[in-house]
C-alpha atoms as a PDB file:
ATOM      1  CA  MET A   1      88.112 113.977 109.742  1.00  0.00           C
ATOM      2  CA  THR A   2      89.497 113.200 106.234  1.00  0.00           C
ATOM      3  CA  GLN A   3      91.383 110.279 105.407  1.00  0.00           C
ATOM      4  CA  GLU A   4      95.145 110.849 105.615  1.00  0.00           C
ATOM      5  CA  ARG A   5      96.785 110.181 102.007  1.00  0.00           C
ATOM      6  CA  ILE A   6      99.697 108.026 101.415  1.00  0.00           C
ATOM      7  CA  LEU A   7     101.592 107.349  98.152  1.00  0.00           C
ATOM      8  CA  ILE A   8     103.198 104.137  97.765  1.00  0.00           C
ATOM      9  CA  ALA A   9     106.391 104.240  95.014  1.00  0.00           C
ATOM     10  CA  GLU A  10     107.431 100.419  95.043  1.00  0.00           C
ATOM     11  CA  ASP A  11     108.185  98.450  91.512  1.00  0.00           C
ATOM     12  CA  GLU A  12     107.297  95.047  93.058  1.00  0.00           C
ATOM     13  CA  LYS A  13     103.755  94.941  92.499  1.00  0.00           C
ATOM     14  CA  PRO A  14     103.150  92.393  95.050  1.00  0.00           C
ATOM     15  CA  ILE A  15     104.723  94.120  98.240  1.00  0.00           C
ATOM     16  CA  ALA A  16     102.927  97.557  96.868  1.00  0.00           C
ATOM     17  CA  ASN A  17      99.489  95.607  96.579  1.00  0.00           C
ATOM     18  CA  ALA A  18      99.810  93.813  99.807  1.00  0.00           C
ATOM     19  CA  LEU A  19     101.307  97.217 101.563  1.00  0.00           C
ATOM     20  CA  ALA A  20      98.155  99.252  99.906  1.00  0.00           C
ATOM     21  CA  LEU A  21      95.661  96.587 101.428  1.00  0.00           C
ATOM     22  CA  LYS A  22      97.081  96.762 104.564  1.00  0.00           C
ATOM     23  CA  LEU A  23      97.160 100.951 104.818  1.00  0.00           C
ATOM     24  CA  ARG A  24      93.592 101.086 103.353  1.00  0.00           C
ATOM     25  CA  SER A  25      92.237  98.506 105.910  1.00  0.00           C
ATOM     26  CA  ALA A  26      94.332 100.756 108.660  1.00  0.00           C
ATOM     27  CA  GLY A  27      92.057 103.598 107.172  1.00  0.00           C
ATOM     28  CA  PHE A  28      94.347 105.404 104.608  1.00  0.00           C
ATOM     29  CA  GLU A  29      93.743 106.557 101.210  1.00  0.00           C
ATOM     30  CA  VAL A  30      96.471 104.842  99.382  1.00  0.00           C
ATOM     31  CA  GLU A  31      97.875 105.791  95.653  1.00  0.00           C
ATOM     32  CA  LEU A  32     100.065 103.217  94.031  1.00  0.00           C
ATOM     33  CA  VAL A  33     102.969 103.879  91.682  1.00  0.00           C
ATOM     34  CA  PHE A  34     105.552 101.840  90.318  1.00  0.00           C
ATOM     35  CA  ASP A  35     108.674 103.710  89.589  1.00  0.00           C
ATOM     36  CA  GLY A  36     110.325 106.984  90.454  1.00  0.00           C
ATOM     37  CA  GLN A  37     108.996 109.345  87.739  1.00  0.00           C
ATOM     38  CA  ALA A  38     105.334 108.367  88.419  1.00  0.00           C
ATOM     39  CA  ALA A  39     105.940 109.218  92.049  1.00  0.00           C
ATOM     40  CA  ILE A  40     107.364 112.612  91.129  1.00  0.00           C
ATOM     41  CA  LEU A  41     104.176 113.527  89.100  1.00  0.00           C
ATOM     42  CA  SER A  42     101.937 112.243  91.640  1.00  0.00           C
ATOM     43  CA  ALA A  43     103.695 114.373  94.288  1.00  0.00           C
ATOM     44  CA  GLN A  44     103.263 117.531  91.881  1.00  0.00           C
ATOM     45  CA  LYS A  45      99.915 116.633  91.095  1.00  0.00           C
ATOM     46  CA  SER A  46      98.349 115.562  94.402  1.00  0.00           C
ATOM     47  CA  ALA A  47      98.647 116.559  98.093  1.00  0.00           C
ATOM     48  CA  PHE A  48     100.082 113.583 100.212  1.00  0.00           C
ATOM     49  CA  ASP A  49     100.101 113.106 103.965  1.00  0.00           C
ATOM     50  CA  LEU A  50     102.881 110.369 103.556  1.00  0.00           C
ATOM     51  CA  ILE A  51     105.074 108.978 100.815  1.00  0.00           C
ATOM     52  CA  ILE A  52     106.487 105.376 101.175  1.00  0.00           C
ATOM     53  CA  LEU A  53     109.450 105.190  98.836  1.00  0.00           C
ATOM     54  CA  ASP A  54     111.345 102.079  97.564  1.00  0.00           C
ATOM     55  CA  LEU A  55     115.196 103.150  96.896  1.00  0.00           C
ATOM     56  CA  VAL A  56     115.345 100.708  93.612  1.00  0.00           C
ATOM     57  CA  MET A  57     112.977 101.342  90.846  1.00  0.00           C
ATOM     58  CA  PRO A  58     112.991 101.685  87.154  1.00  0.00           C
ATOM     59  CA  GLN A  59     112.863 105.341  85.395  1.00  0.00           C
ATOM     60  CA  LYS A  60     114.454 107.143  88.508  1.00  0.00           C
ATOM     61  CA  ASP A  61     115.641 105.606  91.758  1.00  0.00           C
ATOM     62  CA  GLY A  62     114.708 106.914  95.400  1.00  0.00           C
ATOM     63  CA  PHE A  63     117.350 108.693  95.871  1.00  0.00           C
ATOM     64  CA  SER A  64     116.659 110.720  92.861  1.00  0.00           C
ATOM     65  CA  VAL A  65     112.996 110.979  93.818  1.00  0.00           C
ATOM     66  CA  LEU A  66     113.927 112.271  97.444  1.00  0.00           C
ATOM     67  CA  ALA A  67     116.180 114.798  96.011  1.00  0.00           C
ATOM     68  CA  GLU A  68     113.981 115.959  92.920  1.00  0.00           C
ATOM     69  CA  LEU A  69     110.893 116.511  96.096  1.00  0.00           C
ATOM     70  CA  LYS A  70     113.412 118.562  98.004  1.00  0.00           C
ATOM     71  CA  LYS A  71     114.161 120.482  94.830  1.00  0.00           C
ATOM     72  CA  LEU A  72     110.342 121.017  94.084  1.00  0.00           C
ATOM     73  CA  ASN A  73     109.713 122.095  97.494  1.00  0.00           C
ATOM     74  CA  ILE A  74     107.422 119.172  97.885  1.00  0.00           C
ATOM     75  CA  ASP A  75     107.632 118.950 101.867  1.00  0.00           C
ATOM     76  CA  VAL A  76     106.223 115.589 102.649  1.00  0.00           C
ATOM     77  CA  PRO A  77     107.103 113.235 105.155  1.00  0.00           C
ATOM     78  CA  VAL A  78     109.191 110.168 103.579  1.00  0.00           C
ATOM     79  CA  ILE A  79     109.622 106.539 104.816  1.00  0.00           C
ATOM     80  CA  VAL A  80     112.009 104.370 102.657  1.00  0.00           C
ATOM     81  CA  SER A  81     111.615 101.126 102.372  1.00  0.00           C
ATOM     82  CA  SER A  82     114.552  99.104 100.830  1.00  0.00           C
ATOM     83  CA  ASN A  83     116.518  95.852 100.410  1.00  0.00           C
ATOM     84  CA  LEU A  84     119.470  98.228 100.368  1.00  0.00           C
ATOM     85  CA  SER A  85     120.880  97.423 104.223  1.00  0.00           C
ATOM     86  CA  GLN A  86     124.246  99.410 104.001  1.00  0.00           C
ATOM     87  CA  GLU A  87     124.969 102.001 106.301  1.00  0.00           C
ATOM     88  CA  GLU A  88     125.801 104.487 103.520  1.00  0.00           C
ATOM     89  CA  ASP A  89     122.450 104.217 101.736  1.00  0.00           C
ATOM     90  CA  ILE A  90     120.485 104.767 104.963  1.00  0.00           C
ATOM     91  CA  LYS A  91     122.599 108.017 105.988  1.00  0.00           C
ATOM     92  CA  ARG A  92     122.313 109.205 102.171  1.00  0.00           C
ATOM     93  CA  ALA A  93     118.571 108.692 102.370  1.00  0.00           C
ATOM     94  CA  LYS A  94     118.281 110.359 105.383  1.00  0.00           C
ATOM     95  CA  GLU A  95     120.179 113.026 104.592  1.00  0.00           C
ATOM     96  CA  LEU A  96     117.977 113.959 101.094  1.00  0.00           C
ATOM     97  CA  GLY A  97     114.977 114.135 103.708  1.00  0.00           C
ATOM     98  CA  ALA A  98     113.593 110.752 104.482  1.00  0.00           C
ATOM     99  CA  ARG A  99     111.939 110.422 108.290  1.00  0.00           C
ATOM    100  CA  ASP A 100     112.430 106.609 108.381  1.00  0.00           C
ATOM    101  CA  TYR A 101     114.022 103.921 106.903  1.00  0.00           C
ATOM    102  CA  PHE A 102     113.273 100.238 106.996  1.00  0.00           C
ATOM    103  CA  ILE A 103     114.499  96.973 105.373  1.00  0.00           C
ATOM    104  CA  LYS A 104     111.539  95.448 103.595  1.00  0.00           C
ATOM    105  CA  SER A 105     113.128  91.712 104.574  1.00  0.00           C
ATOM    106  CA  ASP A 106     113.191  92.691 108.087  1.00  0.00           C
ATOM    107  CA  ILE A 107     109.723  94.216 108.733  1.00  0.00           C
ATOM    108  CA  THR A 108     106.142  93.061 108.624  1.00  0.00           C
ATOM    109  CA  LEU A 109     103.077  94.941 107.062  1.00  0.00           C
ATOM    110  CA  ALA A 110     101.549  95.241 110.598  1.00  0.00           C
ATOM    111  CA  GLU A 111     105.001  97.135 111.683  1.00  0.00           C
ATOM    112  CA  ILE A 112     104.866  99.227 108.469  1.00  0.00           C
ATOM    113  CA  VAL A 113     101.312 100.125 109.284  1.00  0.00           C
ATOM    114  CA  GLU A 114     102.822 101.169 113.025  1.00  0.00           C
ATOM    115  CA  LYS A 115     105.505 102.953 111.560  1.00  0.00           C
ATOM    116  CA  VAL A 116     102.982 105.303 109.335  1.00  0.00           C
ATOM    117  CA  LYS A 117     101.023 105.746 112.052  1.00  0.00           C
ATOM    118  CA  ALA A 118     103.828 107.341 114.159  1.00  0.00           C
ATOM    119  CA  GLN A 119     104.707 109.660 111.600  1.00  0.00           C
ATOM    120  CA  LEU A 120     101.275 110.729 110.846  1.00  0.00           C
ATOM    121  CA  LEU A 121      99.857 110.814 114.541  1.00  0.00           C
ATOM    122  CA  PRO A 122     101.411 113.972 115.707  1.00  0.00           C
ATOM    123  CA  HIS A 123      99.768 116.034 112.705  1.00  0.00           C
ATOM    124  CA  SER A 124      96.450 114.669 112.653  1.00  0.00           C
END
């Protein structure tokens, strides 16, 4: 069985690296990008089973990335990871296609790994 590939788009490098480490130790292959434009380029260049997407990033924000993925017909489950906890941000992200949404300060790395597994297990 091939490893499931996850793209993490997160501009806070310590968070991105900690999450990548945790997901790799759970058996996933992980690619890291630190801005929205790089996230789109990576998604175009290579197939991912899941994207973990921050909303507040340089170049392009997460909302723009979601809209662009949809426009490019790149159909990958996206979990939004953000510090934006406003109901309208959550609603907007989900309307743009995000499957799940969590507030960074309210969740542990282990819980994120569980959310990832929950999104991927039906497919594997």
